């Protein structure tokens, strides 16, 4: 597709033929402006700087956590998490089992249907 056919396609019916060329030039100028416009006009620079600051902060936190983990005695992650939240890291021996659940006060034997007392005829 050459420029003449593109300009002819952009020409509106009822207007002179040169208006398609003007429309094509305006579109090209607008596209060139968007390509050459600095990012700070759109507000991207401030957002990118904010994201960069957050990334630096997260990397610093990760380094601090890695340094603490390297200096801490080798314990299981569960024990470390429990100690951080104030729980005891000691475990009960594996042979100890939880106490059995108490039996219900009245355990029905088999299936029991509800008893309905309908008014009887004649009573």
PDB file of N, CA and C in Angstrom:
ATOM      1  N   UNK A   1       0.856  -1.167   0.000  1.00  0.00           N
ATOM      2  CA  UNK A   1       0.000   0.000   0.000  1.00  0.00           C
ATOM      3  C   UNK A   1       0.903   1.230   0.000  1.00  0.00           C
ATOM      4  N   UNK A   2       0.705   2.105  -0.976  1.00  0.00           N
ATOM      5  CA  UNK A   2       1.537   3.309  -1.032  1.00  0.00           C
ATOM      6  C   UNK A   2       0.819   4.474  -0.357  1.00  0.00           C
ATOM      7  N   UNK A   3       1.504   5.615  -0.262  1.00  0.00           N
ATOM      8  CA  UNK A   3       0.967   6.768   0.450  1.00  0.00           C
ATOM      9  C   UNK A   3      -0.266   7.356  -0.236  1.00  0.00           C
ATOM     10  N   UNK A   4      -0.315   7.298  -1.585  1.00  0.00           N
ATOM     11  CA  UNK A   4      -1.467   7.864  -2.299  1.00  0.00           C
ATOM     12  C   UNK A   4      -2.746   7.098  -1.969  1.00  0.00           C
ATOM     13  N   UNK A   5      -2.659   5.784  -1.928  1.00  0.00           N
ATOM     14  CA  UNK A   5      -3.868   5.002  -1.617  1.00  0.00           C
ATOM     15  C   UNK A   5      -4.259   5.178  -0.157  1.00  0.00           C
ATOM     16  N   UNK A   6      -3.270   5.324   0.735  1.00  0.00           N
ATOM     17  CA  UNK A   6      -3.567   5.555   2.135  1.00  0.00           C
ATOM     18  C   UNK A   6      -4.216   6.919   2.331  1.00  0.00           C
ATOM     19  N   UNK A   7      -3.698   7.956   1.638  1.00  0.00           N
ATOM     20  CA  UNK A   7      -4.290   9.291   1.706  1.00  0.00           C
ATOM     21  C   UNK A   7      -5.692   9.283   1.108  1.00  0.00           C
ATOM     22  N   UNK A   8      -5.902   8.540   0.029  1.00  0.00           N
ATOM     23  CA  UNK A   8      -7.233   8.451  -0.573  1.00  0.00           C
ATOM     24  C   UNK A   8      -8.218   7.752   0.373  1.00  0.00           C
ATOM     25  N   UNK A   9      -7.727   6.782   1.131  1.00  0.00           N
ATOM     26  CA  UNK A   9      -8.597   6.090   2.074  1.00  0.00           C
ATOM     27  C   UNK A   9      -8.978   7.003   3.240  1.00  0.00           C
ATOM     28  N   UNK A  10      -8.112   7.947   3.591  1.00  0.00           N
ATOM     29  CA  UNK A  10      -8.392   8.854   4.700  1.00  0.00           C
ATOM     30  C   UNK A  10      -9.235  10.059   4.288  1.00  0.00           C
ATOM     31  N   UNK A  11      -9.422  10.265   2.999  1.00  0.00           N
ATOM     32  CA  UNK A  11     -10.216  11.387   2.521  1.00  0.00           C
ATOM     33  C   UNK A  11     -11.684  11.110   2.778  1.00  0.00           C
ATOM     34  N   UNK A  12     -12.348  12.075   3.390  1.00  0.00           N
ATOM     35  CA  UNK A  12     -13.777  11.942   3.665  1.00  0.00           C
ATOM     36  C   UNK A  12     -14.567  12.328   2.419  1.00  0.00           C
ATOM     37  N   UNK A  13     -15.663  11.663   2.161  1.00  0.00           N
ATOM     38  CA  UNK A  13     -16.477  12.015   0.979  1.00  0.00           C
ATOM     39  C   UNK A  13     -17.024  13.441   1.099  1.00  0.00           C
ATOM     40  N   UNK A  14     -16.979  14.159   0.017  1.00  0.00           N
ATOM     41  CA  UNK A  14     -17.470  15.534  -0.006  1.00  0.00           C
ATOM     42  C   UNK A  14     -16.406  16.560   0.279  1.00  0.00           C
ATOM     43  N   UNK A  15     -15.198  16.138   0.626  1.00  0.00           N
ATOM     44  CA  UNK A  15     -14.099  17.061   0.882  1.00  0.00           C
ATOM     45  C   UNK A  15     -13.074  16.943  -0.243  1.00  0.00           C
ATOM     46  N   UNK A  16     -12.222  17.958  -0.413  1.00  0.00           N
ATOM     47  CA  UNK A  16     -11.207  17.882  -1.478  1.00  0.00           C
ATOM     48  C   UNK A  16     -10.236  16.723  -1.260  1.00  0.00           C
ATOM     49  N   UNK A  17      -9.567  16.304  -2.287  1.00  0.00           N
ATOM     50  CA  UNK A  17      -8.674  15.155  -2.240  1.00  0.00           C
ATOM     51  C   UNK A  17      -7.453  15.410  -1.366  1.00  0.00           C
ATOM     52  N   UNK A  18      -7.056  16.668  -1.235  1.00  0.00           N
ATOM     53  CA  UNK A  18      -5.857  16.963  -0.443  1.00  0.00           C
ATOM     54  C   UNK A  18      -6.091  16.779   1.059  1.00  0.00           C
ATOM     55  N   UNK A  19      -7.344  16.665   1.540  1.00  0.00           N
ATOM     56  CA  UNK A  19      -7.599  16.494   2.968  1.00  0.00           C
ATOM     57  C   UNK A  19      -7.104  15.139   3.482  1.00  0.00           C
ATOM     58  N   UNK A  20      -7.067  14.144   2.618  1.00  0.00           N
ATOM     59  CA  UNK A  20      -6.510  12.849   3.020  1.00  0.00           C
ATOM     60  C   UNK A  20      -5.030  12.962   3.326  1.00  0.00           C
ATOM     61  N   UNK A  21      -4.307  13.738   2.505  1.00  0.00           N
ATOM     62  CA  UNK A  21      -2.883  13.961   2.753  1.00  0.00           C
ATOM     63  C   UNK A  21      -2.657  14.726   4.043  1.00  0.00           C
ATOM     64  N   UNK A  22      -3.510  15.698   4.334  1.00  0.00           N
ATOM     65  CA  UNK A  22      -3.401  16.463   5.575  1.00  0.00           C
ATOM     66  C   UNK A  22      -3.673  15.547   6.774  1.00  0.00           C
ATOM     67  N   UNK A  23      -4.684  14.694   6.664  1.00  0.00           N
ATOM     68  CA  UNK A  23      -4.993  13.759   7.748  1.00  0.00           C
ATOM     69  C   UNK A  23      -3.840  12.791   7.967  1.00  0.00           C
ATOM     70  N   UNK A  24      -3.242  12.314   6.870  1.00  0.00           N
ATOM     71  CA  UNK A  24      -2.104  11.401   6.975  1.00  0.00           C
ATOM     72  C   UNK A  24      -0.917  12.096   7.623  1.00  0.00           C
ATOM     73  N   UNK A  25      -0.664  13.362   7.268  1.00  0.00           N
ATOM     74  CA  UNK A  25       0.447  14.115   7.865  1.00  0.00           C
ATOM     75  C   UNK A  25       0.183  14.360   9.355  1.00  0.00           C
ATOM     76  N   UNK A  26      -1.060  14.644   9.713  1.00  0.00           N
ATOM     77  CA  UNK A  26      -1.385  14.876  11.117  1.00  0.00           C
ATOM     78  C   UNK A  26      -1.192  13.604  11.939  1.00  0.00           C
ATOM     79  N   UNK A  27      -1.605  12.478  11.387  1.00  0.00           N
ATOM     80  CA  UNK A  27      -1.425  11.199  12.091  1.00  0.00           C
ATOM     81  C   UNK A  27       0.057  10.877  12.250  1.00  0.00           C
ATOM     82  N   UNK A  28       0.845  11.127  11.200  1.00  0.00           N
ATOM     83  CA  UNK A  28       2.282  10.863  11.269  1.00  0.00           C
ATOM     84  C   UNK A  28       2.949  11.780  12.299  1.00  0.00           C
ATOM     85  N   UNK A  29       2.544  13.064  12.334  1.00  0.00           N
ATOM     86  CA  UNK A  29       3.110  14.002  13.301  1.00  0.00           C
ATOM     87  C   UNK A  29       2.743  13.605  14.731  1.00  0.00           C
ATOM     88  N   UNK A  30       1.520  13.173  14.932  1.00  0.00           N
ATOM     89  CA  UNK A  30       1.086  12.735  16.257  1.00  0.00           C
ATOM     90  C   UNK A  30       1.865  11.488  16.705  1.00  0.00           C
ATOM     91  N   UNK A  31       2.068  10.538  15.803  1.00  0.00           N
ATOM     92  CA  UNK A  31       2.837   9.338  16.129  1.00  0.00           C
ATOM     93  C   UNK A  31       4.286   9.699  16.456  1.00  0.00           C
ATOM     94  N   UNK A  32       4.857  10.627  15.703  1.00  0.00           N
ATOM     95  CA  UNK A  32       6.236  11.053  15.959  1.00  0.00           C
ATOM     96  C   UNK A  32       6.347  11.743  17.319  1.00  0.00           C
ATOM     97  N   UNK A  33       5.351  12.546  17.670  1.00  0.00           N
ATOM     98  CA  UNK A  33       5.365  13.208  18.991  1.00  0.00           C
ATOM     99  C   UNK A  33       5.322  12.186  20.117  1.00  0.00           C
ATOM    100  N   UNK A  34       4.486  11.159  19.981  1.00  0.00           N
ATOM    101  CA  UNK A  34       4.417  10.138  21.032  1.00  0.00           C
ATOM    102  C   UNK A  34       5.710   9.348  21.135  1.00  0.00           C
ATOM    103  N   UNK A  35       6.393   9.148  20.011  1.00  0.00           N
ATOM    104  CA  UNK A  35       7.664   8.421  20.061  1.00  0.00           C
ATOM    105  C   UNK A  35       8.773   9.251  20.701  1.00  0.00           C
ATOM    106  N   UNK A  36       8.764  10.549  20.476  1.00  0.00           N
ATOM    107  CA  UNK A  36       9.843  11.399  20.968  1.00  0.00           C
ATOM    108  C   UNK A  36       9.552  12.017  22.329  1.00  0.00           C
ATOM    109  N   UNK A  37       8.334  11.854  22.848  1.00  0.00           N
ATOM    110  CA  UNK A  37       7.960  12.466  24.120  1.00  0.00           C
ATOM    111  C   UNK A  37       8.682  11.765  25.271  1.00  0.00           C
ATOM    112  N   UNK A  38       9.256  12.533  26.193  1.00  0.00           N
ATOM    113  CA  UNK A  38       9.924  11.887  27.339  1.00  0.00           C
ATOM    114  C   UNK A  38       8.897  11.227  28.263  1.00  0.00           C
ATOM    115  N   UNK A  39       9.348  10.199  28.951  1.00  0.00           N
ATOM    116  CA  UNK A  39       8.452   9.430  29.817  1.00  0.00           C
ATOM    117  C   UNK A  39       7.943  10.237  31.000  1.00  0.00           C
ATOM    118  N   UNK A  40       8.680  11.258  31.422  1.00  0.00           N
ATOM    119  CA  UNK A  40       8.260  12.010  32.596  1.00  0.00           C
ATOM    120  C   UNK A  40       6.950  12.749  32.366  1.00  0.00           C
ATOM    121  N   UNK A  41       6.609  13.047  31.118  1.00  0.00           N
ATOM    122  CA  UNK A  41       5.354  13.736  30.834  1.00  0.00           C
ATOM    123  C   UNK A  41       4.177  12.829  31.169  1.00  0.00           C
ATOM    124  N   UNK A  42       4.306  11.561  30.896  1.00  0.00           N
ATOM    125  CA  UNK A  42       3.239  10.619  31.208  1.00  0.00           C
ATOM    126  C   UNK A  42       3.203  10.265  32.694  1.00  0.00           C
ATOM    127  N   UNK A  43       4.204  10.638  33.467  1.00  0.00           N
ATOM    128  CA  UNK A  43       4.247  10.301  34.882  1.00  0.00           C
ATOM    129  C   UNK A  43       4.877   8.952  35.143  1.00  0.00           C
ATOM    130  N   UNK A  44       5.514   8.383  34.151  1.00  0.00           N
ATOM    131  CA  UNK A  44       6.124   7.068  34.340  1.00  0.00           C
ATOM    132  C   UNK A  44       7.409   7.141  35.148  1.00  0.00           C
ATOM    133  N   UNK A  45       8.130   8.230  35.012  1.00  0.00           N
ATOM    134  CA  UNK A  45       9.416   8.326  35.700  1.00  0.00           C
ATOM    135  C   UNK A  45       9.226   8.264  37.211  1.00  0.00           C
ATOM    136  N   UNK A  46       8.244   8.989  37.741  1.00  0.00           N
ATOM    137  CA  UNK A  46       8.035   8.977  39.192  1.00  0.00           C
ATOM    138  C   UNK A  46       7.579   7.596  39.661  1.00  0.00           C
ATOM    139  N   UNK A  47       6.731   6.935  38.864  1.00  0.00           N
ATOM    140  CA  UNK A  47       6.298   5.587  39.247  1.00  0.00           C
ATOM    141  C   UNK A  47       7.452   4.598  39.206  1.00  0.00           C
ATOM    142  N   UNK A  48       8.315   4.718  38.196  1.00  0.00           N
ATOM    143  CA  UNK A  48       9.470   3.823  38.109  1.00  0.00           C
ATOM    144  C   UNK A  48      10.441   4.061  39.266  1.00  0.00           C
ATOM    145  N   UNK A  49      10.619   5.314  39.667  1.00  0.00           N
ATOM    146  CA  UNK A  49      11.499   5.603  40.792  1.00  0.00           C
ATOM    147  C   UNK A  49      10.923   5.047  42.085  1.00  0.00           C
ATOM    148  N   UNK A  50       9.613   5.133  42.252  1.00  0.00           N
ATOM    149  CA  UNK A  50       8.975   4.559  43.437  1.00  0.00           C
ATOM    150  C   UNK A  50       9.139   3.053  43.493  1.00  0.00           C
ATOM    151  N   UNK A  51       8.946   2.393  42.357  1.00  0.00           N
ATOM    152  CA  UNK A  51       9.135   0.938  42.308  1.00  0.00           C
ATOM    153  C   UNK A  51      10.582   0.556  42.584  1.00  0.00           C
ATOM    154  N   UNK A  52      11.504   1.359  42.080  1.00  0.00           N
ATOM    155  CA  UNK A  52      12.922   1.077  42.316  1.00  0.00           C
ATOM    156  C   UNK A  52      13.265   1.211  43.795  1.00  0.00           C
ATOM    157  N   UNK A  53      12.682   2.218  44.463  1.00  0.00           N
ATOM    158  CA  UNK A  53      12.921   2.398  45.900  1.00  0.00           C
ATOM    159  C   UNK A  53      12.349   1.218  46.694  1.00  0.00           C
ATOM    160  N   UNK A  54      11.141   0.746  46.311  1.00  0.00           N
ATOM    161  CA  UNK A  54      10.555  -0.413  46.986  1.00  0.00           C
ATOM    162  C   UNK A  54      11.403  -1.648  46.779  1.00  0.00           C
ATOM    163  N   UNK A  55      11.920  -1.833  45.574  1.00  0.00           N
ATOM    164  CA  UNK A  55      12.763  -2.992  45.274  1.00  0.00           C
ATOM    165  C   UNK A  55      14.041  -2.946  46.095  1.00  0.00           C
ATOM    166  N   UNK A  56      14.659  -1.772  46.218  1.00  0.00           N
ATOM    167  CA  UNK A  56      15.862  -1.641  47.035  1.00  0.00           C
ATOM    168  C   UNK A  56      15.572  -1.967  48.499  1.00  0.00           C
ATOM    169  N   UNK A  57      14.427  -1.504  48.997  1.00  0.00           N
ATOM    170  CA  UNK A  57      14.044  -1.771  50.381  1.00  0.00           C
ATOM    171  C   UNK A  57      13.826  -3.270  50.614  1.00  0.00           C
ATOM    172  N   UNK A  58      13.158  -3.923  49.678  1.00  0.00           N
ATOM    173  CA  UNK A  58      12.922  -5.367  49.813  1.00  0.00           C
ATOM    174  C   UNK A  58      14.227  -6.149  49.759  1.00  0.00           C
ATOM    175  N   UNK A  59      15.152  -5.734  48.897  1.00  0.00           N
ATOM    176  CA  UNK A  59      16.444  -6.416  48.824  1.00  0.00           C
ATOM    177  C   UNK A  59      17.220  -6.243  50.122  1.00  0.00           C
ATOM    178  N   UNK A  60      17.143  -5.065  50.735  1.00  0.00           N
ATOM    179  CA  UNK A  60      17.827  -4.838  52.011  1.00  0.00           C
ATOM    180  C   UNK A  60      17.223  -5.730  53.102  1.00  0.00           C
ATOM    181  N   UNK A  61      15.884  -5.864  53.105  1.00  0.00           N
ATOM    182  CA  UNK A  61      15.246  -6.737  54.088  1.00  0.00           C
ATOM    183  C   UNK A  61      15.658  -8.194  53.882  1.00  0.00           C
ATOM    184  N   UNK A  62      15.718  -8.633  52.641  1.00  0.00           N
ATOM    185  CA  UNK A  62      16.135 -10.013  52.356  1.00  0.00           C
ATOM    186  C   UNK A  62      17.567 -10.258  52.808  1.00  0.00           C
ATOM    187  N   UNK A  63      18.439  -9.279  52.608  1.00  0.00           N
ATOM    188  CA  UNK A  63      19.818  -9.434  53.057  1.00  0.00           C
ATOM    189  C   UNK A  63      19.878  -9.542  54.578  1.00  0.00           C
ATOM    190  N   UNK A  64      19.082  -8.721  55.278  1.00  0.00           N
ATOM    191  CA  UNK A  64      19.071  -8.766  56.739  1.00  0.00           C
ATOM    192  C   UNK A  64      18.537 -10.110  57.228  1.00  0.00           C
ATOM    193  N   UNK A  65      17.497 -10.619  56.609  1.00  0.00           N
ATOM    194  CA  UNK A  65      16.938 -11.917  57.002  1.00  0.00           C
ATOM    195  C   UNK A  65      17.946 -13.030  56.738  1.00  0.00           C
ATOM    196  N   UNK A  66      18.618 -12.970  55.599  1.00  0.00           N
ATOM    197  CA  UNK A  66      19.621 -13.989  55.283  1.00  0.00           C
ATOM    198  C   UNK A  66      20.774 -13.947  56.281  1.00  0.00           C
ATOM    199  N   UNK A  67      21.161 -12.753  56.688  1.00  0.00           N
ATOM    200  CA  UNK A  67      22.242 -12.638  57.672  1.00  0.00           C
ATOM    201  C   UNK A  67      21.805 -13.196  59.022  1.00  0.00           C
ATOM    202  N   UNK A  68      20.564 -12.936  59.437  1.00  0.00           N
ATOM    203  CA  UNK A  68      20.062 -13.483  60.701  1.00  0.00           C
ATOM    204  C   UNK A  68      19.970 -15.000  60.650  1.00  0.00           C
ATOM    205  N   UNK A  69      19.514 -15.538  59.529  1.00  0.00           N
ATOM    206  CA  UNK A  69      19.403 -16.990  59.411  1.00  0.00           C
ATOM    207  C   UNK A  69      20.770 -17.662  59.407  1.00  0.00           C
ATOM    208  N   UNK A  70      21.747 -17.012  58.808  1.00  0.00           N
ATOM    209  CA  UNK A  70      23.092 -17.580  58.781  1.00  0.00           C
ATOM    210  C   UNK A  70      23.714 -17.562  60.175  1.00  0.00           C
ATOM    211  N   UNK A  71      23.378 -16.550  60.988  1.00  0.00           N
ATOM    212  CA  UNK A  71      23.957 -16.436  62.321  1.00  0.00           C
ATOM    213  C   UNK A  71      23.197 -17.254  63.355  1.00  0.00           C
ATOM    214  N   UNK A  72      21.954 -17.613  63.091  1.00  0.00           N
ATOM    215  CA  UNK A  72      21.127 -18.349  64.056  1.00  0.00           C
ATOM    216  C   UNK A  72      21.558 -19.812  64.100  1.00  0.00           C
ATOM    217  N   UNK A  73      21.372 -20.471  65.260  1.00  0.00           N
ATOM    218  CA  UNK A  73      21.678 -21.903  65.320  1.00  0.00           C
ATOM    219  C   UNK A  73      20.730 -22.661  64.391  1.00  0.00           C
ATOM    220  N   UNK A  74      21.192 -23.787  63.913  1.00  0.00           N
ATOM    221  CA  UNK A  74      20.412 -24.573  62.962  1.00  0.00           C
ATOM    222  C   UNK A  74      19.269 -25.274  63.677  1.00  0.00           C
ATOM    223  N   UNK A  75      18.099 -24.730  63.594  1.00  0.00           N
ATOM    224  CA  UNK A  75      16.892 -25.345  64.156  1.00  0.00           C
ATOM    225  C   UNK A  75      15.907 -25.511  63.010  1.00  0.00           C
ATOM    226  N   UNK A  76      14.902 -26.306  63.245  1.00  0.00           N
ATOM    227  CA  UNK A  76      13.916 -26.514  62.189  1.00  0.00           C
ATOM    228  C   UNK A  76      13.112 -25.232  61.981  1.00  0.00           C
ATOM    229  N   UNK A  77      12.613 -25.028  60.771  1.00  0.00           N
ATOM    230  CA  UNK A  77      11.828 -23.818  60.524  1.00  0.00           C
ATOM    231  C   UNK A  77      10.586 -23.744  61.404  1.00  0.00           C
ATOM    232  N   UNK A  78      10.006 -24.889  61.764  1.00  0.00           N
ATOM    233  CA  UNK A  78       8.827 -24.888  62.629  1.00  0.00           C
ATOM    234  C   UNK A  78       9.204 -24.395  64.015  1.00  0.00           C
ATOM    235  N   UNK A  79      10.339 -24.859  64.527  1.00  0.00           N
ATOM    236  CA  UNK A  79      10.781 -24.436  65.853  1.00  0.00           C
ATOM    237  C   UNK A  79      11.116 -22.949  65.852  1.00  0.00           C
ATOM    238  N   UNK A  80      11.747 -22.458  64.779  1.00  0.00           N
ATOM    239  CA  UNK A  80      12.061 -21.025  64.708  1.00  0.00           C
ATOM    240  C   UNK A  80      10.785 -20.200  64.672  1.00  0.00           C
ATOM    241  N   UNK A  81       9.807 -20.632  63.879  1.00  0.00           N
ATOM    242  CA  UNK A  81       8.545 -19.902  63.801  1.00  0.00           C
ATOM    243  C   UNK A  81       7.809 -19.916  65.116  1.00  0.00           C
ATOM    244  N   UNK A  82       7.833 -21.051  65.817  1.00  0.00           N
ATOM    245  CA  UNK A  82       7.164 -21.135  67.113  1.00  0.00           C
ATOM    246  C   UNK A  82       7.858 -20.244  68.127  1.00  0.00           C
ATOM    247  N   UNK A  83       9.178 -20.202  68.095  1.00  0.00           N
ATOM    248  CA  UNK A  83       9.912 -19.369  69.042  1.00  0.00           C
ATOM    249  C   UNK A  83       9.654 -17.888  68.775  1.00  0.00           C
ATOM    250  N   UNK A  84       9.521 -17.496  67.512  1.00  0.00           N
ATOM    251  CA  UNK A  84       9.257 -16.103  67.193  1.00  0.00           C
ATOM    252  C   UNK A  84       7.894 -15.667  67.708  1.00  0.00           C
ATOM    253  N   UNK A  85       6.944 -16.601  67.785  1.00  0.00           N
ATOM    254  CA  UNK A  85       5.595 -16.258  68.235  1.00  0.00           C
ATOM    255  C   UNK A  85       5.386 -16.559  69.714  1.00  0.00           C
ATOM    256  N   UNK A  86       6.428 -16.941  70.434  1.00  0.00           N
ATOM    257  CA  UNK A  86       6.351 -17.127  71.862  1.00  0.00           C
ATOM    258  C   UNK A  86       5.897 -18.507  72.307  1.00  0.00           C
ATOM    259  N   UNK A  87       5.906 -19.481  71.435  1.00  0.00           N
ATOM    260  CA  UNK A  87       5.534 -20.841  71.817  1.00  0.00           C
ATOM    261  C   UNK A  87       6.776 -21.647  72.136  1.00  0.00           C
ATOM    262  N   UNK A  88       6.593 -22.684  72.897  1.00  0.00           N
ATOM    263  CA  UNK A  88       7.702 -23.558  73.224  1.00  0.00           C
ATOM    264  C   UNK A  88       8.040 -24.420  72.015  1.00  0.00           C
ATOM    265  N   UNK A  89       9.315 -24.573  71.763  1.00  0.00           N
ATOM    266  CA  UNK A  89       9.739 -25.365  70.608  1.00  0.00           C
ATOM    267  C   UNK A  89       9.912 -26.830  70.959  1.00  0.00           C
ATOM    268  N   UNK A  90       9.684 -27.210  72.224  1.00  0.00           N
ATOM    269  CA  UNK A  90       9.839 -28.616  72.606  1.00  0.00           C
ATOM    270  C   UNK A  90       8.629 -29.398  72.142  1.00  0.00           C
ATOM    271  N   UNK A  91       8.871 -30.634  71.805  1.00  0.00           N
ATOM    272  CA  UNK A  91       7.799 -31.491  71.319  1.00  0.00           C
ATOM    273  C   UNK A  91       7.572 -32.627  72.296  1.00  0.00           C
ATOM    274  N   UNK A  92       6.372 -33.153  72.275  1.00  0.00           N
ATOM    275  CA  UNK A  92       6.072 -34.337  73.068  1.00  0.00           C
ATOM    276  C   UNK A  92       6.694 -35.537  72.359  1.00  0.00           C
ATOM    277  N   UNK A  93       7.050 -36.577  73.122  1.00  0.00           N
ATOM    278  CA  UNK A  93       7.611 -37.762  72.468  1.00  0.00           C
ATOM    279  C   UNK A  93       6.618 -38.339  71.473  1.00  0.00           C
ATOM    280  N   UNK A  94       7.143 -38.975  70.445  1.00  0.00           N
ATOM    281  CA  UNK A  94       6.301 -39.526  69.401  1.00  0.00           C
ATOM    282  C   UNK A  94       5.404 -40.651  69.904  1.00  0.00           C
ATOM    283  N   UNK A  95       5.777 -41.335  71.000  1.00  0.00           N
ATOM    284  CA  UNK A  95       4.973 -42.447  71.499  1.00  0.00           C
ATOM    285  C   UNK A  95       3.731 -41.954  72.226  1.00  0.00           C
ATOM    286  N   UNK A  96       3.737 -40.705  72.685  1.00  0.00           N
ATOM    287  CA  UNK A  96       2.577 -40.192  73.399  1.00  0.00           C
ATOM    288  C   UNK A  96       1.467 -39.918  72.404  1.00  0.00           C
ATOM    289  N   UNK A  97       0.279 -40.385  72.712  1.00  0.00           N
ATOM    290  CA  UNK A  97      -0.857 -40.154  71.838  1.00  0.00           C
ATOM    291  C   UNK A  97      -1.845 -39.242  72.551  1.00  0.00           C
ATOM    292  N   UNK A  98      -2.660 -38.544  71.804  1.00  0.00           N
ATOM    293  CA  UNK A  98      -3.624 -37.664  72.453  1.00  0.00           C
ATOM    294  C   UNK A  98      -4.644 -38.482  73.230  1.00  0.00           C
ATOM    295  N   UNK A  99      -5.229 -37.904  74.275  1.00  0.00           N
ATOM    296  CA  UNK A  99      -6.206 -38.663  75.065  1.00  0.00           C
ATOM    297  C   UNK A  99      -7.416 -39.008  74.203  1.00  0.00           C
ATOM    298  N   UNK A 100      -8.059 -40.130  74.485  1.00  0.00           N
ATOM    299  CA  UNK A 100      -9.218 -40.514  73.683  1.00  0.00           C
ATOM    300  C   UNK A 100     -10.371 -39.547  73.913  1.00  0.00           C
ATOM    301  N   UNK A 101     -11.193 -39.419  72.906  1.00  0.00           N
ATOM    302  CA  UNK A 101     -12.342 -38.529  73.004  1.00  0.00           C
ATOM    303  C   UNK A 101     -13.362 -39.141  73.951  1.00  0.00           C
ATOM    304  N   UNK A 102     -14.011 -38.318  74.787  1.00  0.00           N
ATOM    305  CA  UNK A 102     -15.003 -38.871  75.711  1.00  0.00           C
ATOM    306  C   UNK A 102     -16.215 -39.406  74.945  1.00  0.00           C
ATOM    307  N   UNK A 103     -16.786 -40.460  75.473  1.00  0.00           N
ATOM    308  CA  UNK A 103     -17.967 -41.056  74.843  1.00  0.00           C
ATOM    309  C   UNK A 103     -19.165 -40.154  75.078  1.00  0.00           C
ATOM    310  N   UNK A 104     -20.082 -40.080  74.120  1.00  0.00           N
ATOM    311  CA  UNK A 104     -21.266 -39.247  74.327  1.00  0.00           C
ATOM    312  C   UNK A 104     -22.112 -39.788  75.479  1.00  0.00           C
ATOM    313  N   UNK A 105     -22.866 -38.900  76.112  1.00  0.00           N
ATOM    314  CA  UNK A 105     -23.663 -39.298  77.269  1.00  0.00           C
ATOM    315  C   UNK A 105     -24.691 -40.361  76.904  1.00  0.00           C
ATOM    316  N   UNK A 106     -25.348 -40.215  75.776  1.00  0.00           N
ATOM    317  CA  UNK A 106     -26.345 -41.204  75.357  1.00  0.00           C
ATOM    318  C   UNK A 106     -26.060 -41.563  73.916  1.00  0.00           C
ATOM    319  N   UNK A 107     -25.509 -42.716  73.715  1.00  0.00           N
ATOM    320  CA  UNK A 107     -25.205 -43.161  72.366  1.00  0.00           C
ATOM    321  C   UNK A 107     -26.336 -44.062  71.880  1.00  0.00           C
ATOM    322  N   UNK A 108     -27.149 -43.623  70.897  1.00  0.00           N
ATOM    323  CA  UNK A 108     -28.243 -44.461  70.418  1.00  0.00           C
ATOM    324  C   UNK A 108     -27.703 -45.664  69.665  1.00  0.00           C
ATOM    325  N   UNK A 109     -28.381 -46.745  69.807  1.00  0.00           N
ATOM    326  CA  UNK A 109     -27.978 -47.978  69.135  1.00  0.00           C
ATOM    327  C   UNK A 109     -28.765 -48.092  67.838  1.00  0.00           C
ATOM    328  N   UNK A 110     -28.100 -48.121  66.741  1.00  0.00           N
ATOM    329  CA  UNK A 110     -28.767 -48.273  65.452  1.00  0.00           C
ATOM    330  C   UNK A 110     -29.510 -47.009  65.056  1.00  0.00           C
ATOM    331  N   UNK A 111     -30.336 -47.168  64.054  1.00  0.00           N
ATOM    332  CA  UNK A 111     -31.078 -46.024  63.528  1.00  0.00           C
ATOM    333  C   UNK A 111     -32.410 -45.905  64.259  1.00  0.00           C
ATOM    334  N   UNK A 112     -32.702 -44.675  64.657  1.00  0.00           N
ATOM    335  CA  UNK A 112     -33.972 -44.443  65.331  1.00  0.00           C
ATOM    336  C   UNK A 112     -34.748 -43.379  64.573  1.00  0.00           C
ATOM    337  N   UNK A 113     -35.997 -43.694  64.281  1.00  0.00           N
ATOM    338  CA  UNK A 113     -36.868 -42.759  63.593  1.00  0.00           C
ATOM    339  C   UNK A 113     -37.578 -41.902  64.626  1.00  0.00           C
ATOM    340  N   UNK A 114     -37.895 -40.673  64.273  1.00  0.00           N
ATOM    341  CA  UNK A 114     -38.657 -39.845  65.215  1.00  0.00           C
ATOM    342  C   UNK A 114     -40.079 -40.384  65.365  1.00  0.00           C
ATOM    343  N   UNK A 115     -40.607 -40.309  66.546  1.00  0.00           N
ATOM    344  CA  UNK A 115     -41.965 -40.785  66.811  1.00  0.00           C
ATOM    345  C   UNK A 115     -42.925 -39.606  66.706  1.00  0.00           C
ATOM    346  N   UNK A 116     -43.922 -39.800  65.898  1.00  0.00           N
ATOM    347  CA  UNK A 116     -44.921 -38.764  65.712  1.00  0.00           C
ATOM    348  C   UNK A 116     -46.214 -39.185  66.400  1.00  0.00           C
ATOM    349  N   UNK A 117     -46.838 -38.270  67.062  1.00  0.00           N
ATOM    350  CA  UNK A 117     -48.141 -38.585  67.697  1.00  0.00           C
ATOM    351  C   UNK A 117     -49.211 -37.770  67.004  1.00  0.00           C
ATOM    352  N   UNK A 118     -49.812 -38.378  65.991  1.00  0.00           N
ATOM    353  CA  UNK A 118     -50.873 -37.718  65.248  1.00  0.00           C
ATOM    354  C   UNK A 118     -52.179 -37.881  66.002  1.00  0.00           C
ATOM    355  N   UNK A 119     -53.023 -36.900  65.872  1.00  0.00           N
ATOM    356  CA  UNK A 119     -54.338 -37.102  66.506  1.00  0.00           C
ATOM    357  C   UNK A 119     -55.080 -38.228  65.794  1.00  0.00           C
ATOM    358  N   UNK A 120     -55.571 -39.105  66.568  1.00  0.00           N
ATOM    359  CA  UNK A 120     -56.284 -40.258  66.010  1.00  0.00           C
ATOM    360  C   UNK A 120     -57.769 -39.954  65.882  1.00  0.00           C
ATOM    361  N   UNK A 121     -58.329 -40.580  64.899  1.00  0.00           N
ATOM    362  CA  UNK A 121     -59.758 -40.404  64.731  1.00  0.00           C
ATOM    363  C   UNK A 121     -60.479 -41.167  65.836  1.00  0.00           C
ATOM    364  N   UNK A 122     -61.458 -40.571  66.348  1.00  0.00           N
ATOM    365  CA  UNK A 122     -62.245 -41.231  67.350  1.00  0.00           C
ATOM    366  C   UNK A 122     -61.744 -40.996  68.758  1.00  0.00           C
ATOM    367  N   UNK A 123     -60.673 -40.233  68.937  1.00  0.00           N
ATOM    368  CA  UNK A 123     -60.284 -39.995  70.314  1.00  0.00           C
ATOM    369  C   UNK A 123     -60.522 -38.579  70.726  1.00  0.00           C
TER     370      UNK A 123
END
